[in-house]
Amino acid sequence: LEAISSCDEIVPVFILDKKLIDATG
């Protein structure tokens, strides 16, 4: 909500974290 209210358009992103992925079953 804060991101939306602060701008005209948001850039939604998820960044894949190799370290976490390697440690995940």
mmCIF file of all heavy atoms, coordinates in Angstrom:
data_MODEL
# 
_entry.id   MODEL 
# 
loop_
_atom_site.group_PDB 
_atom_site.id 
_atom_site.type_symbol 
_atom_site.label_atom_id 
_atom_site.label_alt_id 
_atom_site.label_comp_id 
_atom_site.label_asym_id 
_atom_site.label_entity_id 
_atom_site.label_seq_id 
_atom_site.pdbx_PDB_ins_code 
_atom_site.Cartn_x 
_atom_site.Cartn_y 
_atom_site.Cartn_z 
_atom_site.occupancy 
_atom_site.B_iso_or_equiv 
_atom_site.pdbx_formal_charge 
_atom_site.auth_seq_id 
_atom_site.auth_comp_id 
_atom_site.auth_asym_id 
_atom_site.auth_atom_id 
_atom_site.pdbx_PDB_model_num 
ATOM 1   N N   . LEU A 1 1  ? 0.827  -1.208  0.000   1.00 0.00 ? 1  LEU A N   1 
ATOM 2   C CA  . LEU A 1 1  ? 0.000  0.000   0.000   1.00 0.00 ? 1  LEU A CA  1 
ATOM 3   C C   . LEU A 1 1  ? 0.867  1.266   0.000   1.00 0.00 ? 1  LEU A C   1 
ATOM 4   O O   . LEU A 1 1  ? 0.563  2.244   -0.689  1.00 0.00 ? 1  LEU A O   1 
ATOM 5   C CB  . LEU A 1 1  ? -0.925 0.005   1.216   1.00 0.00 ? 1  LEU A CB  1 
ATOM 6   C CG  . LEU A 1 1  ? -2.060 -1.017  1.223   1.00 0.00 ? 1  LEU A CG  1 
ATOM 7   C CD1 . LEU A 1 1  ? -2.841 -0.924  2.529   1.00 0.00 ? 1  LEU A CD1 1 
ATOM 8   C CD2 . LEU A 1 1  ? -2.984 -0.819  0.026   1.00 0.00 ? 1  LEU A CD2 1 
ATOM 9   N N   . GLU A 1 2  ? 1.944  1.252   0.769   1.00 0.00 ? 2  GLU A N   1 
ATOM 10  C CA  . GLU A 1 2  ? 2.845  2.401   0.827   1.00 0.00 ? 2  GLU A CA  1 
ATOM 11  C C   . GLU A 1 2  ? 3.518  2.621   -0.524  1.00 0.00 ? 2  GLU A C   1 
ATOM 12  O O   . GLU A 1 2  ? 3.667  3.765   -0.973  1.00 0.00 ? 2  GLU A O   1 
ATOM 13  C CB  . GLU A 1 2  ? 3.889  2.176   1.923   1.00 0.00 ? 2  GLU A CB  1 
ATOM 14  C CG  . GLU A 1 2  ? 4.801  3.364   2.177   1.00 0.00 ? 2  GLU A CG  1 
ATOM 15  C CD  . GLU A 1 2  ? 4.085  4.573   2.741   1.00 0.00 ? 2  GLU A CD  1 
ATOM 16  O OE1 . GLU A 1 2  ? 2.999  4.403   3.342   1.00 0.00 ? 2  GLU A OE1 1 
ATOM 17  O OE2 . GLU A 1 2  ? 4.606  5.707   2.574   1.00 0.00 ? 2  GLU A OE2 1 
ATOM 18  N N   . ALA A 1 3  ? 3.926  1.536   -1.162  1.00 0.00 ? 3  ALA A N   1 
ATOM 19  C CA  . ALA A 1 3  ? 4.547  1.656   -2.482  1.00 0.00 ? 3  ALA A CA  1 
ATOM 20  C C   . ALA A 1 3  ? 3.570  2.241   -3.490  1.00 0.00 ? 3  ALA A C   1 
ATOM 21  O O   . ALA A 1 3  ? 3.926  3.135   -4.279  1.00 0.00 ? 3  ALA A O   1 
ATOM 22  C CB  . ALA A 1 3  ? 5.042  0.286   -2.948  1.00 0.00 ? 3  ALA A CB  1 
ATOM 23  N N   . ILE A 1 4  ? 2.324  1.758   -3.464  1.00 0.00 ? 4  ILE A N   1 
ATOM 24  C CA  . ILE A 1 4  ? 1.308  2.246   -4.404  1.00 0.00 ? 4  ILE A CA  1 
ATOM 25  C C   . ILE A 1 4  ? 1.030  3.736   -4.190  1.00 0.00 ? 4  ILE A C   1 
ATOM 26  O O   . ILE A 1 4  ? 0.921  4.517   -5.153  1.00 0.00 ? 4  ILE A O   1 
ATOM 27  C CB  . ILE A 1 4  ? 0.010  1.419   -4.259  1.00 0.00 ? 4  ILE A CB  1 
ATOM 28  C CG1 . ILE A 1 4  ? 0.232  -0.010  -4.759  1.00 0.00 ? 4  ILE A CG1 1 
ATOM 29  C CG2 . ILE A 1 4  ? -1.147 2.075   -5.018  1.00 0.00 ? 4  ILE A CG2 1 
ATOM 30  C CD1 . ILE A 1 4  ? -0.917 -0.949  -4.450  1.00 0.00 ? 4  ILE A CD1 1 
ATOM 31  N N   . SER A 1 5  ? 0.927  4.140   -2.922  1.00 0.00 ? 5  SER A N   1 
ATOM 32  C CA  . SER A 1 5  ? 0.587  5.536   -2.623  1.00 0.00 ? 5  SER A CA  1 
ATOM 33  C C   . SER A 1 5  ? 1.723  6.498   -2.935  1.00 0.00 ? 5  SER A C   1 
ATOM 34  O O   . SER A 1 5  ? 1.502  7.716   -3.051  1.00 0.00 ? 5  SER A O   1 
ATOM 35  C CB  . SER A 1 5  ? 0.186  5.670   -1.148  1.00 0.00 ? 5  SER A CB  1 
ATOM 36  O OG  . SER A 1 5  ? 1.309  5.447   -0.302  1.00 0.00 ? 5  SER A OG  1 
ATOM 37  N N   . SER A 1 6  ? 2.931  5.982   -3.078  1.00 0.00 ? 6  SER A N   1 
ATOM 38  C CA  . SER A 1 6  ? 4.094  6.853   -3.268  1.00 0.00 ? 6  SER A CA  1 
ATOM 39  C C   . SER A 1 6  ? 4.406  7.162   -4.725  1.00 0.00 ? 6  SER A C   1 
ATOM 40  O O   . SER A 1 6  ? 5.328  7.935   -5.011  1.00 0.00 ? 6  SER A O   1 
ATOM 41  C CB  . SER A 1 6  ? 5.331  6.197   -2.635  1.00 0.00 ? 6  SER A CB  1 
ATOM 42  O OG  . SER A 1 6  ? 5.749  5.069   -3.391  1.00 0.00 ? 6  SER A OG  1 
ATOM 43  N N   . CYS A 1 7  ? 3.636  6.570   -5.648  1.00 0.00 ? 7  CYS A N   1 
ATOM 44  C CA  . CYS A 1 7  ? 4.027  6.709   -7.048  1.00 0.00 ? 7  CYS A CA  1 
ATOM 45  C C   . CYS A 1 7  ? 2.845  6.520   -7.982  1.00 0.00 ? 7  CYS A C   1 
ATOM 46  O O   . CYS A 1 7  ? 1.720  6.266   -7.549  1.00 0.00 ? 7  CYS A O   1 
ATOM 47  C CB  . CYS A 1 7  ? 5.135  5.702   -7.384  1.00 0.00 ? 7  CYS A CB  1 
ATOM 48  S SG  . CYS A 1 7  ? 4.562  3.986   -7.241  1.00 0.00 ? 7  CYS A SG  1 
ATOM 49  N N   . ASP A 1 8  ? 3.120  6.633   -9.277  1.00 0.00 ? 8  ASP A N   1 
ATOM 50  C CA  . ASP A 1 8  ? 2.101  6.371   -10.302 1.00 0.00 ? 8  ASP A CA  1 
ATOM 51  C C   . ASP A 1 8  ? 2.059  4.899   -10.689 1.00 0.00 ? 8  ASP A C   1 
ATOM 52  O O   . ASP A 1 8  ? 0.994  4.352   -10.988 1.00 0.00 ? 8  ASP A O   1 
ATOM 53  C CB  . ASP A 1 8  ? 2.392  7.214   -11.551 1.00 0.00 ? 8  ASP A CB  1 
ATOM 54  C CG  . ASP A 1 8  ? 2.455  8.702   -11.245 1.00 0.00 ? 8  ASP A CG  1 
ATOM 55  O OD1 . ASP A 1 8  ? 1.530  9.201   -10.577 1.00 0.00 ? 8  ASP A OD1 1 
ATOM 56  O OD2 . ASP A 1 8  ? 3.441  9.346   -11.653 1.00 0.00 ? 8  ASP A OD2 1 
ATOM 57  N N   . GLU A 1 9  ? 3.237  4.280   -10.699 1.00 0.00 ? 9  GLU A N   1 
ATOM 58  C CA  . GLU A 1 9  ? 3.333  2.873   -11.067 1.00 0.00 ? 9  GLU A CA  1 
ATOM 59  C C   . GLU A 1 9  ? 4.348  2.181   -10.153 1.00 0.00 ? 9  GLU A C   1 
ATOM 60  O O   . GLU A 1 9  ? 5.379  2.765   -9.810  1.00 0.00 ? 9  GLU A O   1 
ATOM 61  C CB  . GLU A 1 9  ? 3.825  2.697   -12.513 1.00 0.00 ? 9  GLU A CB  1 
ATOM 62  C CG  . GLU A 1 9  ? 2.836  3.079   -13.588 1.00 0.00 ? 9  GLU A CG  1 
ATOM 63  C CD  . GLU A 1 9  ? 3.427  2.840   -14.970 1.00 0.00 ? 9  GLU A CD  1 
ATOM 64  O OE1 . GLU A 1 9  ? 4.626  3.134   -15.175 1.00 0.00 ? 9  GLU A OE1 1 
ATOM 65  O OE2 . GLU A 1 9  ? 2.689  2.353   -15.842 1.00 0.00 ? 9  GLU A OE2 1 
ATOM 66  N N   . ILE A 1 10 ? 4.039  0.939   -9.796  1.00 0.00 ? 10 ILE A N   1 
ATOM 67  C CA  . ILE A 1 10 ? 5.023  0.184   -9.019  1.00 0.00 ? 10 ILE A CA  1 
ATOM 68  C C   . ILE A 1 10 ? 5.746  -0.808  -9.929  1.00 0.00 ? 10 ILE A C   1 
ATOM 69  O O   . ILE A 1 10 ? 5.244  -1.186  -10.998 1.00 0.00 ? 10 ILE A O   1 
ATOM 70  C CB  . ILE A 1 10 ? 4.386  -0.570  -7.833  1.00 0.00 ? 10 ILE A CB  1 
ATOM 71  C CG1 . ILE A 1 10 ? 3.432  -1.671  -8.325  1.00 0.00 ? 10 ILE A CG1 1 
ATOM 72  C CG2 . ILE A 1 10 ? 3.709  0.384   -6.880  1.00 0.00 ? 10 ILE A CG2 1 
ATOM 73  C CD1 . ILE A 1 10 ? 3.049  -2.676  -7.247  1.00 0.00 ? 10 ILE A CD1 1 
ATOM 74  N N   . VAL A 1 11 ? 6.922  -1.197  -9.474  1.00 0.00 ? 11 VAL A N   1 
ATOM 75  C CA  . VAL A 1 11 ? 7.702  -2.240  -10.142 1.00 0.00 ? 11 VAL A CA  1 
ATOM 76  C C   . VAL A 1 11 ? 7.766  -3.412  -9.170  1.00 0.00 ? 11 VAL A C   1 
ATOM 77  O O   . VAL A 1 11 ? 8.608  -3.444  -8.273  1.00 0.00 ? 11 VAL A O   1 
ATOM 78  C CB  . VAL A 1 11 ? 9.125  -1.752  -10.491 1.00 0.00 ? 11 VAL A CB  1 
ATOM 79  C CG1 . VAL A 1 11 ? 9.891  -2.848  -11.234 1.00 0.00 ? 11 VAL A CG1 1 
ATOM 80  C CG2 . VAL A 1 11 ? 9.088  -0.456  -11.281 1.00 0.00 ? 11 VAL A CG2 1 
ATOM 81  N N   . PRO A 1 12 ? 6.847  -4.373  -9.295  1.00 0.00 ? 12 PRO A N   1 
ATOM 82  C CA  . PRO A 1 12 ? 6.867  -5.499  -8.361  1.00 0.00 ? 12 PRO A CA  1 
ATOM 83  C C   . PRO A 1 12 ? 7.969  -6.492  -8.727  1.00 0.00 ? 12 PRO A C   1 
ATOM 84  O O   . PRO A 1 12 ? 8.092  -6.887  -9.888  1.00 0.00 ? 12 PRO A O   1 
ATOM 85  C CB  . PRO A 1 12 ? 5.480  -6.126  -8.525  1.00 0.00 ? 12 PRO A CB  1 
ATOM 86  C CG  . PRO A 1 12 ? 5.067  -5.759  -9.916  1.00 0.00 ? 12 PRO A CG  1 
ATOM 87  C CD  . PRO A 1 12 ? 5.743  -4.458  -10.248 1.00 0.00 ? 12 PRO A CD  1 
ATOM 88  N N   . VAL A 1 13 ? 8.760  -6.888  -7.745  1.00 0.00 ? 13 VAL A N   1 
ATOM 89  C CA  . VAL A 1 13 ? 9.891  -7.767  -8.044  1.00 0.00 ? 13 VAL A CA  1 
ATOM 90  C C   . VAL A 1 13 ? 10.098 -8.786  -6.928  1.00 0.00 ? 13 VAL A C   1 
ATOM 91  O O   . VAL A 1 13 ? 9.876  -8.488  -5.744  1.00 0.00 ? 13 VAL A O   1 
ATOM 92  C CB  . VAL A 1 13 ? 11.194 -6.957  -8.263  1.00 0.00 ? 13 VAL A CB  1 
ATOM 93  C CG1 . VAL A 1 13 ? 11.572 -6.160  -7.017  1.00 0.00 ? 13 VAL A CG1 1 
ATOM 94  C CG2 . VAL A 1 13 ? 12.358 -7.855  -8.672  1.00 0.00 ? 13 VAL A CG2 1 
ATOM 95  N N   . PHE A 1 14 ? 10.477 -9.981  -7.332  1.00 0.00 ? 14 PHE A N   1 
ATOM 96  C CA  . PHE A 1 14 ? 11.005 -10.982 -6.406  1.00 0.00 ? 14 PHE A CA  1 
ATOM 97  C C   . PHE A 1 14 ? 12.371 -11.382 -6.928  1.00 0.00 ? 14 PHE A C   1 
ATOM 98  O O   . PHE A 1 14 ? 12.533 -11.670 -8.120  1.00 0.00 ? 14 PHE A O   1 
ATOM 99  C CB  . PHE A 1 14 ? 10.111 -12.216 -6.307  1.00 0.00 ? 14 PHE A CB  1 
ATOM 100 C CG  . PHE A 1 14 ? 10.515 -13.125 -5.172  1.00 0.00 ? 14 PHE A CG  1 
ATOM 101 C CD1 . PHE A 1 14 ? 9.879  -13.049 -3.954  1.00 0.00 ? 14 PHE A CD1 1 
ATOM 102 C CD2 . PHE A 1 14 ? 11.573 -14.019 -5.320  1.00 0.00 ? 14 PHE A CD2 1 
ATOM 103 C CE1 . PHE A 1 14 ? 10.280 -13.853 -2.885  1.00 0.00 ? 14 PHE A CE1 1 
ATOM 104 C CE2 . PHE A 1 14 ? 11.974 -14.823 -4.266  1.00 0.00 ? 14 PHE A CE2 1 
ATOM 105 C CZ  . PHE A 1 14 ? 11.330 -14.746 -3.049  1.00 0.00 ? 14 PHE A CZ  1 
ATOM 106 N N   . ILE A 1 15 ? 13.366 -11.390 -6.027  1.00 0.00 ? 15 ILE A N   1 
ATOM 107 C CA  . ILE A 1 15 ? 14.735 -11.718 -6.419  1.00 0.00 ? 15 ILE A CA  1 
ATOM 108 C C   . ILE A 1 15 ? 15.084 -13.091 -5.858  1.00 0.00 ? 15 ILE A C   1 
ATOM 109 O O   . ILE A 1 15 ? 15.094 -13.300 -4.645  1.00 0.00 ? 15 ILE A O   1 
ATOM 110 C CB  . ILE A 1 15 ? 15.735 -10.667 -5.898  1.00 0.00 ? 15 ILE A CB  1 
ATOM 111 C CG1 . ILE A 1 15 ? 15.318 -9.265  -6.367  1.00 0.00 ? 15 ILE A CG1 1 
ATOM 112 C CG2 . ILE A 1 15 ? 17.149 -10.990 -6.370  1.00 0.00 ? 15 ILE A CG2 1 
ATOM 113 C CD1 . ILE A 1 15 ? 16.122 -8.146  -5.732  1.00 0.00 ? 15 ILE A CD1 1 
ATOM 114 N N   . LEU A 1 16 ? 15.354 -14.021 -6.745  1.00 0.00 ? 16 LEU A N   1 
ATOM 115 C CA  . LEU A 1 16 ? 15.727 -15.368 -6.326  1.00 0.00 ? 16 LEU A CA  1 
ATOM 116 C C   . LEU A 1 16 ? 17.109 -15.349 -5.691  1.00 0.00 ? 16 LEU A C   1 
ATOM 117 O O   . LEU A 1 16 ? 18.068 -14.856 -6.291  1.00 0.00 ? 16 LEU A O   1 
ATOM 118 C CB  . LEU A 1 16 ? 15.701 -16.312 -7.531  1.00 0.00 ? 16 LEU A CB  1 
ATOM 119 C CG  . LEU A 1 16 ? 14.321 -16.508 -8.186  1.00 0.00 ? 16 LEU A CG  1 
ATOM 120 C CD1 . LEU A 1 16 ? 14.456 -17.294 -9.483  1.00 0.00 ? 16 LEU A CD1 1 
ATOM 121 C CD2 . LEU A 1 16 ? 13.360 -17.205 -7.240  1.00 0.00 ? 16 LEU A CD2 1 
ATOM 122 N N   . ASP A 1 17 ? 17.193 -15.868 -4.478  1.00 0.00 ? 17 ASP A N   1 
ATOM 123 C CA  . ASP A 1 17 ? 18.429 -15.847 -3.697  1.00 0.00 ? 17 ASP A CA  1 
ATOM 124 C C   . ASP A 1 17 ? 19.065 -17.235 -3.745  1.00 0.00 ? 17 ASP A C   1 
ATOM 125 O O   . ASP A 1 17 ? 18.549 -18.180 -3.157  1.00 0.00 ? 17 ASP A O   1 
ATOM 126 C CB  . ASP A 1 17 ? 18.095 -15.457 -2.249  1.00 0.00 ? 17 ASP A CB  1 
ATOM 127 C CG  . ASP A 1 17 ? 19.331 -15.240 -1.388  1.00 0.00 ? 17 ASP A CG  1 
ATOM 128 O OD1 . ASP A 1 17 ? 20.318 -15.982 -1.559  1.00 0.00 ? 17 ASP A OD1 1 
ATOM 129 O OD2 . ASP A 1 17 ? 19.300 -14.330 -0.539  1.00 0.00 ? 17 ASP A OD2 1 
ATOM 130 N N   . LYS A 1 18 ? 20.168 -17.362 -4.448  1.00 0.00 ? 18 LYS A N   1 
ATOM 131 C CA  . LYS A 1 18 ? 20.795 -18.670 -4.646  1.00 0.00 ? 18 LYS A CA  1 
ATOM 132 C C   . LYS A 1 18 ? 21.153 -19.335 -3.320  1.00 0.00 ? 18 LYS A C   1 
ATOM 133 O O   . LYS A 1 18 ? 20.997 -20.550 -3.155  1.00 0.00 ? 18 LYS A O   1 
ATOM 134 C CB  . LYS A 1 18 ? 22.045 -18.549 -5.521  1.00 0.00 ? 18 LYS A CB  1 
ATOM 135 C CG  . LYS A 1 18 ? 22.675 -19.889 -5.895  1.00 0.00 ? 18 LYS A CG  1 
ATOM 136 C CD  . LYS A 1 18 ? 23.881 -19.719 -6.802  1.00 0.00 ? 18 LYS A CD  1 
ATOM 137 C CE  . LYS A 1 18 ? 24.407 -21.081 -7.265  1.00 0.00 ? 18 LYS A CE  1 
ATOM 138 N NZ  . LYS A 1 18 ? 24.748 -21.996 -6.177  1.00 0.00 ? 18 LYS A NZ  1 
ATOM 139 N N   . LYS A 1 19 ? 21.634 -18.549 -2.374  1.00 0.00 ? 19 LYS A N   1 
ATOM 140 C CA  . LYS A 1 19 ? 22.041 -19.130 -1.088  1.00 0.00 ? 19 LYS A CA  1 
ATOM 141 C C   . LYS A 1 19 ? 20.848 -19.754 -0.375  1.00 0.00 ? 19 LYS A C   1 
ATOM 142 O O   . LYS A 1 19 ? 20.946 -20.857 0.170   1.00 0.00 ? 19 LYS A O   1 
ATOM 143 C CB  . LYS A 1 19 ? 22.693 -18.057 -0.212  1.00 0.00 ? 19 LYS A CB  1 
ATOM 144 C CG  . LYS A 1 19 ? 23.240 -18.607 1.100   1.00 0.00 ? 19 LYS A CG  1 
ATOM 145 C CD  . LYS A 1 19 ? 24.025 -17.549 1.875   1.00 0.00 ? 19 LYS A CD  1 
ATOM 146 C CE  . LYS A 1 19 ? 24.584 -18.127 3.172   1.00 0.00 ? 19 LYS A CE  1 
ATOM 147 N NZ  . LYS A 1 19 ? 25.351 -17.116 3.942   1.00 0.00 ? 19 LYS A NZ  1 
ATOM 148 N N   . LEU A 1 20 ? 19.724 -19.050 -0.382  1.00 0.00 ? 20 LEU A N   1 
ATOM 149 C CA  . LEU A 1 20 ? 18.534 -19.603 0.261   1.00 0.00 ? 20 LEU A CA  1 
ATOM 150 C C   . LEU A 1 20 ? 17.986 -20.793 -0.507  1.00 0.00 ? 20 LEU A C   1 
ATOM 151 O O   . LEU A 1 20 ? 17.539 -21.776 0.083   1.00 0.00 ? 20 LEU A O   1 
ATOM 152 C CB  . LEU A 1 20 ? 17.457 -18.523 0.393   1.00 0.00 ? 20 LEU A CB  1 
ATOM 153 C CG  . LEU A 1 20 ? 17.714 -17.421 1.423   1.00 0.00 ? 20 LEU A CG  1 
ATOM 154 C CD1 . LEU A 1 20 ? 16.565 -16.435 1.431   1.00 0.00 ? 20 LEU A CD1 1 
ATOM 155 C CD2 . LEU A 1 20 ? 17.909 -18.014 2.817   1.00 0.00 ? 20 LEU A CD2 1 
ATOM 156 N N   . ILE A 1 21 ? 18.010 -20.720 -1.829  1.00 0.00 ? 21 ILE A N   1 
ATOM 157 C CA  . ILE A 1 21 ? 17.508 -21.820 -2.647  1.00 0.00 ? 21 ILE A CA  1 
ATOM 158 C C   . ILE A 1 21 ? 18.324 -23.082 -2.406  1.00 0.00 ? 21 ILE A C   1 
ATOM 159 O O   . ILE A 1 21 ? 17.783 -24.186 -2.270  1.00 0.00 ? 21 ILE A O   1 
ATOM 160 C CB  . ILE A 1 21 ? 17.534 -21.425 -4.140  1.00 0.00 ? 21 ILE A CB  1 
ATOM 161 C CG1 . ILE A 1 21 ? 16.463 -20.357 -4.409  1.00 0.00 ? 21 ILE A CG1 1 
ATOM 162 C CG2 . ILE A 1 21 ? 17.311 -22.643 -5.038  1.00 0.00 ? 21 ILE A CG2 1 
ATOM 163 C CD1 . ILE A 1 21 ? 16.572 -19.707 -5.767  1.00 0.00 ? 21 ILE A CD1 1 
ATOM 164 N N   . ASP A 1 22 ? 19.626 -22.932 -2.331  1.00 0.00 ? 22 ASP A N   1 
ATOM 165 C CA  . ASP A 1 22 ? 20.498 -24.091 -2.115  1.00 0.00 ? 22 ASP A CA  1 
ATOM 166 C C   . ASP A 1 22 ? 20.254 -24.741 -0.759  1.00 0.00 ? 22 ASP A C   1 
ATOM 167 O O   . ASP A 1 22 ? 20.542 -25.928 -0.576  1.00 0.00 ? 22 ASP A O   1 
ATOM 168 C CB  . ASP A 1 22 ? 21.968 -23.672 -2.231  1.00 0.00 ? 22 ASP A CB  1 
ATOM 169 C CG  . ASP A 1 22 ? 22.371 -23.335 -3.657  1.00 0.00 ? 22 ASP A CG  1 
ATOM 170 O OD1 . ASP A 1 22 ? 21.614 -23.696 -4.580  1.00 0.00 ? 22 ASP A OD1 1 
ATOM 171 O OD2 . ASP A 1 22 ? 23.430 -22.711 -3.854  1.00 0.00 ? 22 ASP A OD2 1 
ATOM 172 N N   . ALA A 1 23 ? 19.729 -23.958 0.189   1.00 0.00 ? 23 ALA A N   1 
ATOM 173 C CA  . ALA A 1 23 ? 19.494 -24.483 1.534   1.00 0.00 ? 23 ALA A CA  1 
ATOM 174 C C   . ALA A 1 23 ? 18.046 -24.935 1.737   1.00 0.00 ? 23 ALA A C   1 
ATOM 175 O O   . ALA A 1 23 ? 17.644 -25.274 2.850   1.00 0.00 ? 23 ALA A O   1 
ATOM 176 C CB  . ALA A 1 23 ? 19.842 -23.413 2.574   1.00 0.00 ? 23 ALA A CB  1 
ATOM 177 N N   . THR A 1 24 ? 17.269 -24.945 0.660   1.00 0.00 ? 24 THR A N   1 
ATOM 178 C CA  . THR A 1 24 ? 15.841 -25.236 0.755   1.00 0.00 ? 24 THR A CA  1 
ATOM 179 C C   . THR A 1 24 ? 15.529 -26.598 0.152   1.00 0.00 ? 24 THR A C   1 
ATOM 180 O O   . THR A 1 24 ? 16.002 -26.919 -0.938  1.00 0.00 ? 24 THR A O   1 
ATOM 181 C CB  . THR A 1 24 ? 15.028 -24.146 0.034   1.00 0.00 ? 24 THR A CB  1 
ATOM 182 O OG1 . THR A 1 24 ? 15.296 -22.878 0.647   1.00 0.00 ? 24 THR A OG1 1 
ATOM 183 C CG2 . THR A 1 24 ? 13.534 -24.429 0.121   1.00 0.00 ? 24 THR A CG2 1 
ATOM 184 N N   . GLY A 1 25 ? 14.723 -27.388 0.855   1.00 0.00 ? 25 GLY A N   1 
ATOM 185 C CA  . GLY A 1 25 ? 14.358 -28.718 0.391   1.00 0.00 ? 25 GLY A CA  1 
ATOM 186 C C   . GLY A 1 25 ? 13.429 -28.689 -0.801  1.00 0.00 ? 25 GLY A C   1 
ATOM 187 O O   . GLY A 1 25 ? 12.798 -27.669 -1.109  1.00 0.00 ? 25 GLY A O   1 
# 
